[in-house]
Structures are given as C-alpha cells and as structure tokens.
C-alpha cells in the first residue's frame, strides 16, 4: 500500500529523495545543454498556504517519491520536483501523485497549473500530456528546462 503525506522538502526523507533525483538528472542530462544545475527547493514555498510538498511512502519500501505544488501568483500554481524511484515506476504512482498535487492546487485557489521539464524525460512528458497538459510558452528561466506545460483546473 502507498500513502502520501505533507512533508517539508527539508525533512530528511524528502531531502534524500531530492538528492537522489538531482543526482539521477545530472547523470542523464543531455550534454548539449551543459551541466545540470541543482537547486533544492525553499521549504517556505510549500508552507503557510503557499503550497504543499508531499512525501510518497510504500508500506514495505518506505519513502519512494515526492512532489510539490506551490503558488506562483493568484490562480496559478506550479508542480515541482515530481519524482518516484525507478523501482516503483510502472505502477501508476506518477499519475496518482500528479492528480493529488492538482487537487491541492485547486484547494489553494489555483485555476491553472504549470510545470517545466526536460525533453530527455520522455516518460514524464508522456504523463503530463496524457493528464491533459498542453505545451505553453516558457514562464520561467529554468536552465534545465526545455519544455513548459499548462493545464486549466
């Protein structure tokens, strides 16, 4: 059984998962884009009604994933750091986590959700498109991103 609970990105389990995610991205980052730039999220962006960070836990495996939603402006929220360990992939957990983040975004007053990703993450792009996300113009200057998506809620 898998559960999700709010956690700070700075909590030890969240931080360990984020470090794993960033290390994986650095190893697989397209050479033509230069070096992957690691930026741990500011915990304050996920507190006090500004957002929520979730820790995904498997009752047998322990912490296996994470992801957050944060408000960028009134009505607009951003999905950040959606990650599941490779050993859990193919179980539909990405879709479940993304849906829960969208639900939380609506609860924060968002009417649309945006996210950025890198085209080298083909499975992630497929998940986003299958979940109703459409390509949009860049809304930030993330040097790691090549693709930007939005979805009305």
N, C-alpha and C. Protein backbone atom coordinates (compact mmCIF):
# COMPACT_ATOMS: atom_id res chain seq x y z
N UNK A 1 0.84 -1.18 0.00
CA UNK A 1 0.00 0.00 0.00
C UNK A 1 0.88 1.25 0.00
N UNK A 2 0.44 2.25 -0.73
CA UNK A 2 1.17 3.50 -0.84
C UNK A 2 0.33 4.62 -0.25
N UNK A 3 0.99 5.53 0.45
CA UNK A 3 0.31 6.69 1.01
C UNK A 3 1.14 7.94 0.72
N UNK A 4 0.48 9.08 0.84
CA UNK A 4 1.14 10.37 0.67
C UNK A 4 0.85 11.23 1.89
N UNK A 5 1.85 11.97 2.31
CA UNK A 5 1.65 12.87 3.43
C UNK A 5 2.43 14.15 3.22
N UNK A 6 1.89 15.25 3.72
CA UNK A 6 2.64 16.51 3.63
C UNK A 6 3.95 16.41 4.40
N UNK A 7 4.99 16.98 3.84
CA UNK A 7 6.30 16.99 4.47
C UNK A 7 7.05 18.21 3.96
N UNK A 8 8.02 18.64 4.68
CA UNK A 8 8.88 19.73 4.21
C UNK A 8 9.92 19.14 3.26
N UNK A 9 10.29 19.89 2.22
CA UNK A 9 11.39 19.43 1.38
C UNK A 9 12.70 19.28 2.15
N UNK A 10 12.77 19.90 3.33
CA UNK A 10 13.98 19.83 4.15
C UNK A 10 13.98 18.64 5.10
N UNK A 11 12.83 17.95 5.25
CA UNK A 11 12.80 16.75 6.08
C UNK A 11 13.83 15.75 5.54
N UNK A 12 14.45 14.97 6.41
CA UNK A 12 15.49 14.04 5.94
C UNK A 12 15.05 13.11 4.81
N UNK A 13 13.86 12.53 4.88
CA UNK A 13 13.42 11.61 3.82
C UNK A 13 13.19 12.37 2.51
N UNK A 14 12.58 13.54 2.59
CA UNK A 14 12.36 14.35 1.38
C UNK A 14 13.69 14.79 0.78
N UNK A 15 14.57 15.27 1.64
CA UNK A 15 15.87 15.74 1.16
C UNK A 15 16.64 14.61 0.48
N UNK A 16 16.61 13.42 1.06
CA UNK A 16 17.31 12.27 0.47
C UNK A 16 16.74 11.93 -0.91
N UNK A 17 15.42 11.96 -1.04
CA UNK A 17 14.80 11.68 -2.34
C UNK A 17 15.15 12.76 -3.36
N UNK A 18 15.14 14.02 -2.94
CA UNK A 18 15.50 15.10 -3.86
C UNK A 18 16.96 14.98 -4.29
N UNK A 19 17.85 14.63 -3.36
CA UNK A 19 19.26 14.45 -3.71
C UNK A 19 19.42 13.31 -4.71
N UNK A 20 18.67 12.23 -4.52
CA UNK A 20 18.68 11.10 -5.45
C UNK A 20 18.19 11.55 -6.83
N UNK A 21 17.10 12.30 -6.85
CA UNK A 21 16.54 12.81 -8.09
C UNK A 21 17.55 13.69 -8.82
N UNK A 22 18.16 14.64 -8.10
CA UNK A 22 19.10 15.56 -8.73
C UNK A 22 20.34 14.81 -9.25
N UNK A 23 20.82 13.83 -8.51
CA UNK A 23 21.98 13.04 -8.96
C UNK A 23 21.63 12.26 -10.23
N UNK A 24 20.43 11.70 -10.27
CA UNK A 24 19.97 10.97 -11.44
C UNK A 24 19.87 11.90 -12.65
N UNK A 25 19.30 13.08 -12.43
CA UNK A 25 19.18 14.05 -13.53
C UNK A 25 20.55 14.50 -14.02
N UNK A 26 21.49 14.71 -13.12
CA UNK A 26 22.83 15.15 -13.52
C UNK A 26 23.51 14.07 -14.38
N UNK A 27 23.32 12.80 -14.03
CA UNK A 27 23.91 11.71 -14.80
C UNK A 27 23.30 11.61 -16.20
N UNK A 28 21.99 11.84 -16.31
CA UNK A 28 21.31 11.67 -17.58
C UNK A 28 21.03 12.94 -18.35
N UNK A 29 21.59 14.05 -17.89
CA UNK A 29 21.31 15.34 -18.52
C UNK A 29 21.98 15.42 -19.88
N UNK A 30 21.26 15.90 -20.90
CA UNK A 30 21.84 15.98 -22.24
C UNK A 30 23.09 16.87 -22.27
N UNK A 31 24.17 16.32 -22.79
CA UNK A 31 25.46 17.03 -22.81
C UNK A 31 25.37 18.36 -23.56
N UNK A 32 24.53 18.41 -24.60
CA UNK A 32 24.44 19.65 -25.38
C UNK A 32 23.82 20.81 -24.60
N UNK A 33 23.21 20.51 -23.46
CA UNK A 33 22.63 21.56 -22.62
C UNK A 33 23.58 22.02 -21.53
N UNK A 34 24.75 21.43 -21.47
CA UNK A 34 25.70 21.82 -20.44
C UNK A 34 25.52 20.99 -19.19
N UNK A 35 25.81 21.59 -18.07
CA UNK A 35 25.75 20.89 -16.79
C UNK A 35 24.40 21.11 -16.13
N UNK A 36 23.87 20.04 -15.53
CA UNK A 36 22.61 20.15 -14.80
C UNK A 36 22.83 21.02 -13.57
N UNK A 37 21.91 21.94 -13.33
CA UNK A 37 22.02 22.84 -12.18
C UNK A 37 21.06 22.40 -11.08
N UNK A 38 21.62 22.00 -9.97
CA UNK A 38 20.83 21.53 -8.83
C UNK A 38 20.42 22.71 -7.96
N UNK A 39 19.13 22.78 -7.68
CA UNK A 39 18.60 23.79 -6.77
C UNK A 39 17.58 23.13 -5.86
N UNK A 40 17.95 22.95 -4.60
CA UNK A 40 16.99 22.39 -3.65
C UNK A 40 15.90 23.43 -3.39
N UNK A 41 14.67 22.98 -3.27
CA UNK A 41 13.56 23.92 -3.08
C UNK A 41 13.59 24.61 -1.72
N UNK A 42 13.13 25.83 -1.71
CA UNK A 42 12.97 26.59 -0.47
C UNK A 42 11.75 26.06 0.26
N UNK A 43 11.91 25.49 1.45
CA UNK A 43 10.76 24.95 2.18
C UNK A 43 9.64 25.96 2.38
N UNK A 44 9.97 27.24 2.50
CA UNK A 44 8.94 28.27 2.74
C UNK A 44 7.94 28.35 1.59
N UNK A 45 8.34 27.94 0.39
CA UNK A 45 7.44 27.99 -0.77
C UNK A 45 6.30 26.97 -0.66
N UNK A 46 6.44 26.03 0.28
CA UNK A 46 5.45 24.96 0.44
C UNK A 46 4.76 25.02 1.80
N UNK A 47 4.79 26.19 2.42
CA UNK A 47 4.20 26.36 3.76
C UNK A 47 3.22 27.51 3.77
N UNK A 48 2.44 27.58 4.83
CA UNK A 48 1.59 28.73 5.09
C UNK A 48 0.60 29.08 4.01
N UNK A 49 0.03 28.06 3.37
CA UNK A 49 -0.95 28.33 2.33
C UNK A 49 -0.37 28.71 0.99
N UNK A 50 0.98 28.66 0.87
CA UNK A 50 1.64 28.98 -0.39
C UNK A 50 1.89 27.74 -1.24
N UNK A 51 1.76 26.57 -0.63
CA UNK A 51 2.00 25.33 -1.35
C UNK A 51 2.01 24.14 -0.41
N UNK A 52 2.23 22.97 -1.00
CA UNK A 52 2.29 21.73 -0.23
C UNK A 52 3.33 20.83 -0.90
N UNK A 53 4.16 20.21 -0.08
CA UNK A 53 5.13 19.23 -0.56
C UNK A 53 4.71 17.88 0.00
N UNK A 54 4.65 16.86 -0.87
CA UNK A 54 4.20 15.54 -0.46
C UNK A 54 5.33 14.52 -0.51
N UNK A 55 5.33 13.65 0.47
CA UNK A 55 6.23 12.51 0.52
C UNK A 55 5.39 11.27 0.22
N UNK A 56 5.84 10.45 -0.74
CA UNK A 56 5.15 9.22 -1.11
C UNK A 56 5.84 8.08 -0.39
N UNK A 57 5.05 7.29 0.36
CA UNK A 57 5.62 6.19 1.14
C UNK A 57 4.93 4.88 0.79
N UNK A 58 5.73 3.86 0.60
CA UNK A 58 5.25 2.50 0.39
C UNK A 58 5.41 1.78 1.72
N UNK A 59 4.39 1.06 2.16
CA UNK A 59 4.46 0.47 3.50
C UNK A 59 5.57 -0.57 3.61
N UNK A 60 6.01 -1.16 2.51
CA UNK A 60 7.11 -2.12 2.55
C UNK A 60 8.46 -1.48 2.24
N UNK A 61 8.48 -0.51 1.35
CA UNK A 61 9.73 0.07 0.88
C UNK A 61 10.13 1.36 1.58
N UNK A 62 9.19 1.99 2.28
CA UNK A 62 9.47 3.28 2.91
C UNK A 62 9.27 4.42 1.92
N UNK A 63 9.95 5.56 2.12
CA UNK A 63 9.81 6.70 1.22
C UNK A 63 10.30 6.35 -0.19
N UNK A 64 9.45 6.58 -1.20
CA UNK A 64 9.79 6.20 -2.57
C UNK A 64 9.61 7.34 -3.57
N UNK A 65 9.08 8.48 -3.13
CA UNK A 65 8.86 9.57 -4.06
C UNK A 65 8.41 10.83 -3.38
N UNK A 66 8.32 11.89 -4.17
CA UNK A 66 7.92 13.18 -3.63
C UNK A 66 7.46 14.09 -4.76
N UNK A 67 6.90 15.20 -4.38
CA UNK A 67 6.50 16.22 -5.33
C UNK A 67 5.82 17.35 -4.58
N UNK A 68 5.83 18.51 -5.20
CA UNK A 68 5.23 19.66 -4.55
C UNK A 68 4.40 20.49 -5.51
N UNK A 69 3.57 21.32 -4.91
CA UNK A 69 2.78 22.31 -5.64
C UNK A 69 2.96 23.62 -4.90
N UNK A 70 3.22 24.69 -5.63
CA UNK A 70 3.39 25.99 -4.99
C UNK A 70 2.71 27.05 -5.85
N UNK A 71 2.18 28.05 -5.17
CA UNK A 71 1.54 29.16 -5.88
C UNK A 71 2.61 30.09 -6.45
N UNK A 72 2.45 30.41 -7.72
CA UNK A 72 3.33 31.40 -8.36
C UNK A 72 2.71 32.78 -8.30
N UNK A 73 1.40 32.80 -8.43
CA UNK A 73 0.62 34.03 -8.39
C UNK A 73 -0.81 33.62 -8.09
N UNK A 74 -1.69 34.57 -7.77
CA UNK A 74 -3.08 34.18 -7.53
C UNK A 74 -3.64 33.44 -8.75
N UNK A 75 -4.14 32.25 -8.50
CA UNK A 75 -4.74 31.46 -9.57
C UNK A 75 -3.79 30.56 -10.33
N UNK A 76 -2.49 30.70 -10.13
CA UNK A 76 -1.51 29.90 -10.88
C UNK A 76 -0.57 29.17 -9.93
N UNK A 77 -0.56 27.83 -10.07
CA UNK A 77 0.31 27.00 -9.24
C UNK A 77 1.28 26.24 -10.14
N UNK A 78 2.40 25.85 -9.54
CA UNK A 78 3.43 25.13 -10.29
C UNK A 78 3.73 23.80 -9.61
N UNK A 79 3.80 22.74 -10.42
CA UNK A 79 4.24 21.42 -9.95
C UNK A 79 5.76 21.45 -9.92
N UNK A 80 6.33 21.00 -8.80
CA UNK A 80 7.79 20.98 -8.65
C UNK A 80 8.26 19.62 -8.14
N UNK A 81 9.36 19.15 -8.71
CA UNK A 81 10.12 18.01 -8.22
C UNK A 81 9.30 16.73 -8.09
N UNK A 82 8.48 16.44 -9.08
CA UNK A 82 7.74 15.19 -9.11
C UNK A 82 8.75 14.07 -9.38
N UNK A 83 8.93 13.20 -8.41
CA UNK A 83 9.95 12.14 -8.52
C UNK A 83 9.46 10.87 -7.85
N UNK A 84 9.67 9.77 -8.54
CA UNK A 84 9.44 8.44 -7.98
C UNK A 84 10.66 7.59 -8.28
N UNK A 85 11.09 6.82 -7.30
CA UNK A 85 12.25 5.97 -7.50
C UNK A 85 11.98 4.99 -8.64
N UNK A 86 13.02 4.65 -9.40
CA UNK A 86 12.84 3.74 -10.52
C UNK A 86 12.17 2.42 -10.15
N UNK A 87 12.42 1.91 -8.95
CA UNK A 87 11.83 0.63 -8.55
C UNK A 87 10.31 0.67 -8.40
N UNK A 88 9.74 1.87 -8.38
CA UNK A 88 8.28 1.99 -8.22
C UNK A 88 7.58 2.34 -9.52
N UNK A 89 8.34 2.60 -10.56
CA UNK A 89 7.73 3.08 -11.80
C UNK A 89 6.93 1.97 -12.49
N UNK A 90 5.93 2.39 -13.24
CA UNK A 90 5.07 1.44 -13.93
C UNK A 90 3.87 1.00 -13.10
N UNK A 91 3.72 1.55 -11.92
CA UNK A 91 2.60 1.21 -11.03
C UNK A 91 1.50 2.26 -11.03
N UNK A 92 1.67 3.32 -11.83
CA UNK A 92 0.67 4.38 -11.89
C UNK A 92 0.80 5.41 -10.78
N UNK A 93 1.89 5.35 -10.02
CA UNK A 93 2.04 6.29 -8.90
C UNK A 93 2.27 7.72 -9.37
N UNK A 94 2.91 7.90 -10.51
CA UNK A 94 3.12 9.25 -11.03
C UNK A 94 1.80 9.94 -11.31
N UNK A 95 0.89 9.23 -11.92
CA UNK A 95 -0.44 9.78 -12.22
C UNK A 95 -1.20 10.10 -10.92
N UNK A 96 -1.09 9.21 -9.94
CA UNK A 96 -1.78 9.43 -8.66
C UNK A 96 -1.19 10.65 -7.94
N UNK A 97 0.13 10.76 -7.93
CA UNK A 97 0.78 11.90 -7.28
C UNK A 97 0.44 13.20 -7.99
N UNK A 98 0.50 13.19 -9.32
CA UNK A 98 0.17 14.40 -10.08
C UNK A 98 -1.28 14.82 -9.83
N UNK A 99 -2.20 13.87 -9.82
CA UNK A 99 -3.61 14.19 -9.56
C UNK A 99 -3.80 14.79 -8.18
N UNK A 100 -3.10 14.25 -7.20
CA UNK A 100 -3.21 14.79 -5.84
C UNK A 100 -2.64 16.20 -5.77
N UNK A 101 -1.55 16.46 -6.46
CA UNK A 101 -0.98 17.82 -6.47
C UNK A 101 -1.94 18.79 -7.15
N UNK A 102 -2.61 18.36 -8.21
CA UNK A 102 -3.60 19.22 -8.87
C UNK A 102 -4.77 19.50 -7.93
N UNK A 103 -5.20 18.49 -7.19
CA UNK A 103 -6.30 18.67 -6.23
C UNK A 103 -5.90 19.69 -5.17
N UNK A 104 -4.68 19.56 -4.68
CA UNK A 104 -4.19 20.51 -3.67
C UNK A 104 -4.07 21.91 -4.24
N UNK A 105 -3.64 22.01 -5.51
CA UNK A 105 -3.54 23.32 -6.16
C UNK A 105 -4.90 24.00 -6.21
N UNK A 106 -5.93 23.25 -6.57
CA UNK A 106 -7.28 23.81 -6.61
C UNK A 106 -7.69 24.27 -5.21
N UNK A 107 -7.31 23.52 -4.20
CA UNK A 107 -7.61 23.90 -2.83
C UNK A 107 -6.91 25.17 -2.39
N UNK A 108 -5.80 25.48 -3.05
CA UNK A 108 -5.07 26.73 -2.77
C UNK A 108 -5.61 27.90 -3.59
N UNK A 109 -6.62 27.62 -4.43
CA UNK A 109 -7.23 28.67 -5.23
C UNK A 109 -6.72 28.75 -6.65
N UNK A 110 -5.91 27.80 -7.07
CA UNK A 110 -5.38 27.83 -8.43
C UNK A 110 -6.45 27.45 -9.44
N UNK A 111 -6.44 28.14 -10.56
CA UNK A 111 -7.32 27.80 -11.68
C UNK A 111 -6.53 27.21 -12.83
N UNK A 112 -5.20 27.24 -12.73
CA UNK A 112 -4.35 26.57 -13.70
C UNK A 112 -3.08 26.10 -13.01
N UNK A 113 -2.49 25.05 -13.59
CA UNK A 113 -1.24 24.50 -13.09
C UNK A 113 -0.24 24.54 -14.24
N UNK A 114 0.99 24.89 -13.92
CA UNK A 114 2.07 24.89 -14.90
C UNK A 114 3.21 24.03 -14.37
N UNK A 115 4.07 23.63 -15.28
CA UNK A 115 5.28 22.90 -14.89
C UNK A 115 6.29 23.00 -16.02
N UNK A 116 7.54 22.75 -15.67
CA UNK A 116 8.57 22.66 -16.69
C UNK A 116 9.25 21.32 -16.56
N UNK A 117 9.84 20.87 -17.66
CA UNK A 117 10.53 19.59 -17.69
C UNK A 117 11.58 19.64 -18.79
N UNK A 118 12.29 18.56 -18.93
CA UNK A 118 13.30 18.46 -19.98
C UNK A 118 12.86 17.36 -20.94
N UNK A 119 13.01 17.60 -22.22
CA UNK A 119 12.53 16.63 -23.21
C UNK A 119 13.21 15.27 -23.07
N UNK A 120 14.37 15.21 -22.41
CA UNK A 120 15.02 13.92 -22.19
C UNK A 120 14.23 13.04 -21.22
N UNK A 121 13.30 13.62 -20.50
CA UNK A 121 12.42 12.86 -19.59
C UNK A 121 11.15 12.50 -20.35
N UNK A 122 11.29 11.59 -21.30
CA UNK A 122 10.18 11.24 -22.20
C UNK A 122 8.98 10.70 -21.45
N UNK A 123 9.19 9.85 -20.45
CA UNK A 123 8.07 9.29 -19.70
C UNK A 123 7.31 10.39 -18.96
N UNK A 124 8.03 11.34 -18.40
CA UNK A 124 7.37 12.45 -17.69
C UNK A 124 6.54 13.27 -18.66
N UNK A 125 7.10 13.59 -19.82
CA UNK A 125 6.35 14.34 -20.82
C UNK A 125 5.10 13.59 -21.24
N UNK A 126 5.21 12.29 -21.40
CA UNK A 126 4.05 11.47 -21.74
C UNK A 126 2.98 11.50 -20.66
N UNK A 127 3.42 11.43 -19.41
CA UNK A 127 2.47 11.51 -18.28
C UNK A 127 1.75 12.85 -18.30
N UNK A 128 2.48 13.92 -18.50
CA UNK A 128 1.86 15.25 -18.47
C UNK A 128 0.85 15.41 -19.61
N UNK A 129 1.24 15.01 -20.81
CA UNK A 129 0.32 15.12 -21.95
C UNK A 129 -0.91 14.24 -21.75
N UNK A 130 -0.71 13.01 -21.26
CA UNK A 130 -1.84 12.11 -21.02
C UNK A 130 -2.76 12.62 -19.91
N UNK A 131 -2.22 13.49 -19.05
CA UNK A 131 -3.00 14.05 -17.94
C UNK A 131 -3.65 15.39 -18.30
N UNK A 132 -3.59 15.77 -19.57
CA UNK A 132 -4.27 16.97 -20.02
C UNK A 132 -3.43 18.22 -20.10
N UNK A 133 -2.13 18.11 -19.94
CA UNK A 133 -1.25 19.28 -20.04
C UNK A 133 -0.97 19.57 -21.50
N UNK A 134 -0.88 20.86 -21.81
CA UNK A 134 -0.57 21.31 -23.16
C UNK A 134 0.68 22.16 -23.13
N UNK A 135 1.44 22.12 -24.22
CA UNK A 135 2.63 22.95 -24.32
C UNK A 135 2.25 24.42 -24.19
N UNK A 136 3.13 25.17 -23.54
CA UNK A 136 2.92 26.61 -23.38
C UNK A 136 4.26 27.32 -23.51
N UNK A 137 4.19 28.62 -23.60
CA UNK A 137 5.41 29.42 -23.65
C UNK A 137 6.15 29.32 -22.32
N UNK A 138 7.48 29.45 -22.34
CA UNK A 138 8.22 29.43 -21.08
C UNK A 138 7.70 30.50 -20.11
N UNK A 139 7.52 30.10 -18.88
CA UNK A 139 7.05 31.03 -17.85
C UNK A 139 8.15 31.31 -16.83
N UNK A 140 9.30 30.67 -17.01
CA UNK A 140 10.43 30.90 -16.10
C UNK A 140 11.73 30.78 -16.89
N UNK A 141 12.85 30.94 -16.22
CA UNK A 141 14.15 30.85 -16.90
C UNK A 141 14.96 29.66 -16.38
N UNK A 142 14.29 28.56 -16.06
CA UNK A 142 14.95 27.37 -15.56
C UNK A 142 15.94 26.86 -16.62
N UNK A 143 17.24 26.86 -16.33
CA UNK A 143 18.22 26.43 -17.34
C UNK A 143 18.16 24.94 -17.64
N UNK A 144 17.51 24.16 -16.79
CA UNK A 144 17.39 22.72 -17.00
C UNK A 144 16.19 22.36 -17.88
N UNK A 145 15.28 23.29 -18.08
CA UNK A 145 14.03 23.00 -18.79
C UNK A 145 14.15 23.23 -20.29
N UNK A 146 13.44 22.39 -21.03
CA UNK A 146 13.31 22.57 -22.47
C UNK A 146 11.83 22.65 -22.88
N UNK A 147 10.95 22.19 -22.01
CA UNK A 147 9.51 22.13 -22.30
C UNK A 147 8.73 22.68 -21.12
N UNK A 148 7.69 23.45 -21.45
CA UNK A 148 6.82 24.04 -20.44
C UNK A 148 5.38 23.63 -20.77
N UNK A 149 4.62 23.31 -19.73
CA UNK A 149 3.25 22.83 -19.90
C UNK A 149 2.31 23.61 -18.97
N UNK A 150 1.02 23.61 -19.36
CA UNK A 150 -0.01 24.19 -18.51
C UNK A 150 -1.26 23.36 -18.63
N UNK A 151 -2.07 23.44 -17.58
CA UNK A 151 -3.37 22.74 -17.57
C UNK A 151 -4.36 23.58 -16.79
N UNK A 152 -5.50 23.90 -17.40
CA UNK A 152 -6.53 24.58 -16.60
C UNK A 152 -7.16 23.58 -15.64
N UNK A 153 -7.51 24.06 -14.47
CA UNK A 153 -8.16 23.19 -13.47
C UNK A 153 -9.66 23.39 -13.50
